[in-house]
Amino acid sequence: MGLLEGKKLLVTGVLMDTSIAFHVARIAQEQGAEVVLSSFGRQMKITQTIAKRLPTTPGVVELDVTNAEDLEALASRVGEHVDHLDGVLHSIGFAPQTAMGGNFLKTEWDDVATAVQVSAFSYKSLAMAAVPLMGQGGSVVGLTLDARIAWPVYDWMGVAKAALESTNRYLARDLGPKGIRSNLVSAGPLRTTAAKAIPGFDQFDKLFQDRSPLGWDTKDPTATAKACVALLSDWFPATTGSITYVDGGFQAMAG
């Protein structure tokens, strides 16, 4: 039996086969899970195409996490593919270019608000939209980049990740009585589609190569995906509100 045998999962954020979300979906299927993907707008066709590269082609439902109608309809849309959910992966983040790349002191509120809504508030929105399909033992997992640090060029996305990490703790508090866990995986930098939108991303690469005692491969999301799959499984039944670091040990080392 696989780690997720019989589990039913919703995975967001599958846009390329290099993404963390794609590898979470792949490993989850290999471990016995039935997976449903979400996408929206023009990205739907991309996700449907990439989905065919998974071991089993999953269904794809429409979901824009900033759209109230999509959130309200999520349970019924997912319900067309599975009768319940055991876990949800939140792999969603966005900040306008003006909010990153060294523009911290110049970024306007509208762009900051976009970054916070899409990258942090959406974690609560997604969880609450999925809760009607979830029960005891359910698990919500999100992705962050250690928000305790002021990273080069990350700017307001770093602030949004700090909001995400706080949201995770409050969500754990309020979903705990329902038997639903909420945890984050703090991954080292990976060359995903999102990373390409960060001006000066190469600075992250050098930092992690210099300081990670286990080393860090920015092209391999497998370790991060495995951590997400473990948290979506039953092997962490009493863990919630936590952050699991998958960064080659970077966060434990002095600068």
Foldseek 3Di string as FASTA:
>chain_A
DFLQAPAEEEFEDPQDCQDLSVLLVQVNVVRHYAYEYEDADPSQVRNQVRQVVHPDRHHYYYDDLVDPVRLQCVVVRVCVRPVAHQEYEDEWFDAPLCQWQPNQVPDDPVRLVVRLVTLAVSLVSNCVSRVVRYAANHEYEYEAAPLVDDDHGCGSNSVSRVNNLVSQQVCQVVCVVRNYAGEYEHEQAAPDPRLVSGPPSVVSQVLLQVAQPQGDDNRDSNQVSVVVNCRSGCNPSPDHSYYHYHRNCRVVTDD
